[in-house]
Protein backbone atom coordinates (compact mmCIF):
# COMPACT_ATOMS: atom_id res chain seq x y z
CA MET A 1 79.80 64.96 -33.84
CA GLY A 2 83.57 64.02 -32.99
CA TYR A 3 85.25 65.14 -29.89
CA GLN A 4 85.62 69.00 -29.56
CA GLY A 5 88.04 70.94 -27.46
CA LEU A 6 91.65 70.49 -26.34
CA PHE A 7 92.84 66.93 -27.18
CA ILE A 8 95.58 65.09 -25.19
CA ARG A 9 97.02 62.15 -26.99
CA ASP A 10 98.13 58.55 -25.82
CA TYR A 11 100.53 57.99 -28.48
CA VAL A 12 102.26 59.94 -31.43
CA GLY A 13 99.86 60.03 -34.33
CA GLU A 14 96.46 59.67 -32.43
CA THR A 15 93.54 61.64 -33.20
CA PRO A 16 90.24 61.73 -31.37
CA ASP A 17 89.02 59.42 -33.90
CA ASN A 18 91.86 56.83 -33.70
CA ALA A 19 91.39 53.49 -31.72
CA LYS A 20 93.37 53.47 -28.63
CA GLY A 21 96.80 52.13 -28.78
CA PRO A 22 98.64 49.38 -26.53
CA SER A 23 100.81 52.14 -25.22
CA TRP A 24 98.29 54.53 -23.74
CA THR A 25 100.18 55.15 -20.76
CA GLN A 26 103.02 56.94 -22.39
CA SER A 27 101.31 60.05 -23.68
CA PRO A 28 103.79 62.32 -25.84
CA ASP A 29 101.57 65.48 -24.60
CA ILE A 30 103.00 64.95 -20.77
CA CYS A 31 106.62 66.16 -20.64
CA ILE A 32 108.62 65.63 -17.27
CA SER A 33 111.81 67.75 -17.39
CA GLY A 34 112.97 66.71 -14.19
CA THR A 35 114.39 68.93 -11.64
CA VAL A 36 115.32 71.84 -13.97
CA PRO A 37 112.60 73.49 -16.52
CA LEU A 38 112.96 73.10 -20.01
CA LYS A 39 115.13 75.47 -21.55
CA ASP A 40 112.75 76.53 -24.41
CA PRO A 41 109.19 75.87 -23.47
CA GLN A 42 107.90 77.26 -26.57
CA SER A 43 109.39 74.04 -28.29
CA LEU A 44 105.83 72.51 -26.80
CA LEU A 45 104.11 74.85 -29.35
CA ASP A 46 106.18 73.58 -32.67
CA MET A 47 103.95 71.49 -34.91
CA ASP A 48 106.90 69.57 -35.98
CA ASN A 49 108.03 68.61 -32.42
CA TYR A 50 104.36 67.92 -31.79
CA ASN A 51 104.13 65.38 -34.68
CA LYS A 52 107.29 63.74 -33.43
CA GLY A 53 106.45 63.65 -29.82
CA LEU A 54 109.20 66.08 -28.78
CA PRO A 55 110.31 67.31 -26.24
CA ASP A 56 109.91 63.96 -24.48
CA GLY A 57 110.51 63.33 -20.88
CA ASP A 58 109.66 60.70 -18.31
CA ASN A 59 112.40 60.89 -15.51
CA GLN A 60 111.40 62.14 -12.14
CA THR A 61 113.65 62.87 -8.98
CA PRO A 62 111.65 61.76 -5.82
CA LEU A 63 111.52 64.30 -2.86
CA GLN A 64 112.42 67.20 -5.07
CA ILE A 65 110.46 69.45 -7.17
CA ASN A 66 110.11 68.28 -10.54
CA PHE A 67 108.58 70.41 -13.67
CA VAL A 68 105.90 69.02 -15.73
CA TYR A 69 104.58 70.35 -18.86
CA ALA A 70 101.19 69.30 -20.37
CA ARG A 71 99.91 70.31 -24.02
CA GLY A 72 96.90 69.62 -26.48
CA ILE A 73 95.59 70.22 -29.91
CA ASN A 74 92.38 72.26 -30.41
CA THR A 75 90.12 70.18 -32.68
CA GLU A 76 87.73 73.18 -33.13
CA LEU A 77 87.66 75.71 -36.03
CA VAL A 78 87.57 78.41 -33.33
CA GLY A 79 89.78 79.57 -30.43
CA ILE A 80 89.21 78.07 -27.16
CA THR A 81 90.31 78.32 -23.30
CA SER A 82 90.69 75.09 -21.60
CA THR A 83 91.80 73.85 -18.15
CA ILE A 84 94.16 71.07 -17.65
CA TYR A 85 94.18 69.35 -14.31
CA LEU A 86 97.25 67.25 -13.20
CA TYR A 87 97.32 64.18 -10.83
CA TYR A 88 99.82 61.46 -9.90
CA VAL A 89 98.91 57.84 -8.71
CA ASP A 90 100.94 55.00 -7.49
CA THR A 91 101.13 52.77 -10.29
CA SER A 92 99.15 49.59 -10.36
CA ILE A 93 97.83 47.41 -13.20
CA VAL A 94 94.38 49.33 -12.91
CA LEU A 95 94.68 53.19 -12.21
CA TRP A 96 91.62 53.59 -10.47
CA PRO A 97 90.69 57.51 -10.37
CA GLN A 98 89.72 57.49 -6.77
CA ASN A 99 93.47 56.81 -6.07
CA TRP A 100 94.75 59.77 -7.94
CA LYS A 101 96.27 62.43 -5.77
CA MET A 102 97.15 66.21 -6.21
CA ASP A 103 98.68 67.00 -2.73
CA THR A 104 102.39 67.41 -4.02
CA ILE A 105 101.26 69.27 -7.41
CA MET A 106 100.77 72.99 -7.80
CA HIS A 107 100.56 75.56 -10.49
CA THR A 108 100.84 79.37 -10.37
CA GLU A 109 97.41 80.37 -11.44
CA GLY A 110 94.83 82.92 -10.68
CA THR A 111 92.76 82.62 -7.22
CA ASN A 112 89.72 81.03 -8.95
CA VAL A 113 91.74 78.20 -10.46
CA PRO A 114 92.38 74.71 -8.59
CA ILE A 115 95.99 74.45 -7.33
CA ASN A 116 96.67 71.40 -9.57
CA ALA A 117 95.16 73.16 -12.67
CA ALA A 118 96.10 75.43 -15.38
CA GLN A 119 94.26 77.28 -17.92
CA VAL A 120 95.60 77.37 -21.63
CA VAL A 121 94.34 79.17 -24.85
CA ALA A 122 94.55 77.61 -28.33
CA GLN A 123 94.01 79.06 -31.49
CA ALA A 124 91.62 77.30 -34.11
CA GLN A 125 93.05 73.84 -34.79
CA GLY A 126 96.34 74.94 -32.78
CA LEU A 127 98.53 73.79 -29.94
CA ALA A 128 98.33 75.09 -26.40
CA ALA A 129 100.74 74.03 -23.54
CA THR A 130 101.41 75.07 -20.08
CA ILE A 131 104.41 77.20 -20.70
CA GLU A 132 104.64 77.70 -16.96
CA PRO A 133 105.12 74.27 -15.88
CA PHE A 134 103.33 72.40 -12.87
CA LYS A 135 105.71 71.50 -9.82
CA TRP A 136 105.39 68.04 -8.55
CA THR A 137 107.23 66.48 -5.64
CA PRO A 138 107.05 62.70 -5.78
CA PRO A 139 106.62 61.93 -2.31
CA ARG A 140 108.43 58.61 -2.04
CA GLN A 141 111.73 56.86 -3.29
CA ASP A 142 111.53 53.43 -4.81
CA ASN A 143 107.98 54.05 -5.95
CA HIS A 144 106.61 53.88 -9.55
CA TYR A 145 104.26 56.83 -10.40
CA CYS A 146 101.83 57.59 -13.24
CA LEU A 147 100.96 61.28 -14.04
CA VAL A 148 97.53 61.85 -15.23
CA ALA A 149 96.31 65.06 -17.37
CA TRP A 150 92.62 65.64 -17.62
CA VAL A 151 91.57 68.56 -19.88
CA LYS A 152 88.13 70.11 -19.18
CA ASN A 153 86.63 72.21 -21.90
CA GLY A 154 83.43 74.38 -21.89
CA ASP A 155 81.59 76.35 -19.12
CA ASP A 156 82.06 74.04 -15.96
CA GLN A 157 85.88 73.75 -16.81
CA LEU A 158 87.09 75.26 -13.30
CA GLU A 159 84.91 72.66 -11.45
CA PRO A 160 87.45 69.82 -10.67
CA PRO A 161 86.76 66.43 -12.24
CA ASP A 162 84.62 63.80 -10.32
CA LEU A 163 87.20 61.08 -9.43
CA TYR A 164 84.62 58.94 -7.47
CA SER A 165 82.19 57.55 -9.87
CA ILE A 166 84.04 54.53 -11.28
CA GLY A 167 83.20 51.13 -9.05
CA THR A 168 83.82 48.36 -11.46
CA VAL A 169 86.28 47.17 -13.93
CA ASN A 170 83.61 47.82 -16.41
CA ASP A 171 83.21 51.27 -15.50
CA MET A 172 87.04 51.59 -15.83
CA ALA A 173 87.13 50.46 -19.20
CA ASN A 174 84.31 52.55 -20.35
CA PHE A 175 86.09 55.45 -19.12
CA ILE A 176 89.26 54.70 -20.85
CA LEU A 177 87.54 54.60 -24.05
CA THR A 178 85.24 57.61 -23.62
CA HIS A 179 87.81 60.11 -22.45
CA PRO A 180 89.95 61.45 -25.26
CA ASN A 181 90.44 64.43 -23.01
CA VAL A 182 92.56 62.29 -20.59
CA GLY A 183 96.36 61.61 -20.89
CA TRP A 184 98.54 59.09 -18.76
CA LYS A 185 102.38 59.02 -18.34
CA ASN A 186 104.34 56.47 -16.55
CA THR A 187 107.41 57.93 -15.02
CA ILE A 188 110.92 56.65 -14.44
CA GLU A 189 112.76 57.29 -11.00
CA VAL A 190 116.40 58.58 -11.23
CA ASP A 191 118.84 58.99 -8.39
CA ALA A 192 120.14 62.34 -7.56
CA THR A 193 121.78 64.03 -4.63
CA GLN A 194 119.39 65.24 -2.12
CA PRO A 195 119.85 68.88 -1.28
CA THR A 196 119.84 69.98 2.47
CA ILE A 197 117.23 72.50 1.79
CA GLU A 198 114.97 73.05 -1.19
CA ASN A 199 112.05 75.51 -1.71
CA TYR A 200 110.46 78.01 -3.82
CA ALA A 201 108.81 81.26 -4.08
CA THR A 202 106.11 82.45 -6.43
CA ILE A 203 106.85 85.31 -8.57
CA TYR A 204 103.64 87.08 -9.90
CA GLY A 205 104.62 89.26 -13.06
CA ALA A 206 103.71 92.71 -13.95
CA GLU A 207 100.49 93.59 -15.65
CA ASN A 208 102.66 95.41 -18.37
CA GLY A 209 105.41 92.98 -18.23
CA GLY A 210 108.98 94.28 -18.73
CA VAL A 211 112.67 93.68 -17.44
CA LEU A 212 113.34 92.35 -13.98
CA ASN A 213 116.43 90.91 -12.30
CA ILE A 214 115.93 87.51 -10.41
CA GLY A 215 118.14 85.67 -8.14
CA VAL A 216 118.96 84.52 -4.65
CA GLN A 217 120.85 86.28 -1.79
CA CYS A 218 122.98 84.25 0.44
CA GLN A 219 123.27 85.73 3.87
CA ASN A 220 126.31 84.36 5.98
CA LEU A 221 126.34 80.96 4.12
CA PRO A 222 129.66 78.82 4.73
CA THR A 223 131.74 79.01 1.43
CA ASP A 224 131.94 75.12 1.37
CA GLY A 225 128.48 74.81 0.40
CA GLU A 226 126.61 74.91 -3.10
CA ILE A 227 123.79 76.86 -4.47
CA GLU A 228 121.51 76.43 -7.47
CA PHE A 229 118.12 77.91 -8.70
CA SER A 230 115.96 78.03 -11.55
CA VAL A 231 112.92 80.09 -12.83
CA PRO A 232 110.86 78.87 -15.72
CA GLY A 233 110.43 81.57 -18.29
CA PRO A 234 108.32 82.39 -21.40
CA ASP A 235 110.84 81.26 -23.95
CA ALA A 236 114.55 80.01 -24.15
CA GLN A 237 115.91 83.75 -23.86
CA ASN A 238 114.20 84.16 -20.51
CA THR A 239 114.38 80.80 -18.85
CA ILE A 240 116.97 80.92 -15.93
CA ILE A 241 118.80 77.59 -15.28
CA PHE A 242 121.47 78.48 -12.61
CA PRO A 243 123.43 75.04 -12.09
CA ARG A 244 124.70 73.87 -8.93
CA GLN A 245 128.07 75.68 -7.97
CA SER A 246 129.93 76.57 -4.88
CA ILE A 247 129.32 79.66 -2.89
CA PRO A 248 132.29 82.06 -3.35
CA ASN A 249 131.43 84.40 -0.53
CA PRO A 250 129.25 84.27 2.41
CA ASN A 251 126.72 86.80 0.80
CA PHE A 252 126.79 85.58 -2.65
CA ALA A 253 123.90 87.25 -4.79
CA PRO A 254 123.54 85.92 -8.22
CA THR A 255 120.88 87.62 -10.22
CA VAL A 256 119.78 87.22 -13.86
CA GLN A 257 118.02 89.70 -16.01
CA VAL A 258 115.10 88.41 -18.13
CA ARG A 259 112.23 90.19 -19.81
CA TRP A 260 108.66 88.70 -19.24
CA PRO A 261 105.32 89.49 -21.24
CA ASP A 262 102.27 91.00 -19.81
CA ASN A 263 100.85 89.25 -16.76
CA PHE A 264 103.44 86.18 -16.92
CA ASP A 265 103.81 84.62 -13.44
CA SER A 266 106.34 82.10 -12.37
CA THR A 267 108.30 80.44 -9.37
CA ILE A 268 111.98 80.49 -8.43
CA THR A 269 113.17 76.98 -7.13
CA PHE A 270 116.33 77.05 -5.19
CA LYS A 271 118.39 74.39 -3.66
CA TYR A 272 121.24 74.47 -1.12
CA TYR A 273 123.70 71.74 -0.54
CA LYS A 274 125.49 72.03 3.06
CA GLY A 275 129.25 71.34 2.98
CA LYS A 276 131.24 70.30 6.08
CA THR A 277 130.42 73.68 8.01
CA ASP A 278 126.99 74.15 9.48
CA PRO A 279 125.49 77.56 8.73
CA PRO A 280 125.42 79.89 11.55
CA ASP A 281 122.26 80.81 13.35
CA GLY A 282 120.54 83.66 11.48
CA ALA A 283 121.90 82.40 8.06
CA ASN A 284 119.39 83.16 4.96
CA ILE A 285 118.68 82.12 1.65
CA ILE A 286 116.59 84.95 0.17
CA PRO A 287 114.96 84.93 -3.26
CA ILE A 288 114.96 88.52 -4.89
CA VAL A 289 113.51 90.58 -7.46
CA GLY A 290 115.38 93.86 -8.41
CA THR A 291 115.54 96.55 -11.10
CA ASN A 292 118.03 98.82 -12.44
CA GLY A 293 115.44 101.32 -13.11
CA THR A 294 114.83 103.35 -16.33
CA GLY A 295 117.46 106.03 -16.28
CA THR A 296 121.27 106.27 -15.95
CA ASP A 297 120.88 108.14 -12.64
CA PHE A 298 118.39 105.79 -11.10
CA ILE A 299 120.68 104.01 -8.77
CA GLU A 300 122.11 107.19 -7.49
CA HIS A 301 118.69 108.40 -6.91
CA VAL A 302 117.94 105.46 -4.73
CA LYS A 303 121.42 105.82 -2.93
CA ARG A 304 120.46 109.59 -1.90
CA VAL A 305 116.78 108.67 -0.72
CA ALA A 306 116.38 104.97 0.07
CA PRO A 307 120.06 103.25 0.16
CA GLN A 308 118.51 100.27 2.34
CA TYR A 309 116.77 98.85 -0.76
CA LEU A 310 119.97 98.64 -2.73
CA ALA A 311 122.10 95.27 -2.77
CA ASP A 312 125.25 94.26 -4.16
CA VAL A 313 124.64 91.50 -6.55
CA ASN A 314 126.63 89.33 -9.15
CA TYR A 315 124.84 90.74 -12.05
CA TYR A 316 124.00 88.40 -15.27
CA ALA A 317 122.61 90.46 -17.92
CA SER A 318 120.97 87.50 -19.39
CA PRO A 319 120.61 83.63 -18.67
CA GLU A 320 123.04 83.10 -21.57
CA GLU A 321 125.90 84.72 -19.82
CA ILE A 322 125.43 81.84 -16.73
CA ILE A 323 126.93 79.69 -19.52
CA THR A 324 129.29 82.05 -21.05
CA LYS A 325 130.78 83.99 -18.30
CA GLY A 326 130.47 81.56 -15.26
CA GLN A 327 131.46 83.51 -12.19
CA GLY A 328 133.11 86.18 -14.00
CA VAL A 329 130.30 88.74 -13.99
CA PRO A 330 130.62 92.39 -12.34
CA ILE A 331 129.26 93.30 -8.93
CA LYS A 332 126.44 95.77 -9.53
CA LYS A 333 123.85 97.57 -7.39
CA ILE A 334 120.40 97.03 -7.93
CA MET A 335 117.22 98.16 -6.05
CA ILE A 336 115.40 95.17 -4.40
CA VAL A 337 111.73 95.43 -5.10
CA GLY A 338 110.78 92.23 -3.64
CA SER A 339 112.33 89.20 -1.38
CA VAL A 340 111.14 86.18 0.86
CA PRO A 341 113.94 85.03 3.41
CA PHE A 342 114.16 81.42 4.22
CA GLU A 343 116.08 81.07 7.47
CA LEU A 344 118.40 78.20 7.94
CA LYS A 345 117.75 76.97 11.59
CA ARG A 346 120.03 74.45 13.31
């Protein structure tokens, strides 16, 4: 019986029954999109893209959050749920599993799923991918890393892989040959301006999905600084990539409206680049989630009963408007339903 479960390739065209190729550390099923998420994560599930090894990406920026996607194909004739574990390792000639690390990797999953793991669902002989990406911060500059994705299928898939059972070169050779559920991807370091502050906050979506407004509230930030943020979404229409731009006023609050499916979770990652002026004591960057409500008089109602929950925001009706309207969007009031302040301490 051949391999059964979710399969990650070492090269384009590989199947579980192929011999391993010479480029087994260039998996087309591990995609690093760098410091911004993929514009359209659904492209990972397109069979034509899969056959061509697209989308492709191996560039990583050290000391910043990078977005990493993994996918595989279901070899079975029934639908399955599998768990993908992601690791990184300092590249050497032999990538001993006991040297693999997960300390700077995280994924937004349920409480029973390890922090470096993501569960995916694949239809019979179909593709599955981490639509919500892993977040990985390469810990050092001028260092070459390899990413490793390990798929576990079956009843024990939430039990992390045993990385400490390989003690000889022959053990390692056998491991490579007998694990079609493991993919490897060498990375390439690229230079980028380091932000003054970078952080993220998790956004757990509603059980029944729906419309929400996501953004950041600047609080007393100098106008010679710059801000950017991103929120991986379920598809191209609902992925937020707010590019680096100047802060036009100290309380700049760009928000973007998106629609999420049921139980979709994500994170907002933001970066602040300080100009010549230091932020004053008490300055904050506050990731926020808000709503317009369901009726035309909702905001008026909130004004009457709980005005402290309202905020004036730079209102983008969709991610597309970030491109088409720039900073020329209206100021609107929305009700803030969640926020996490990050204070800028001197």
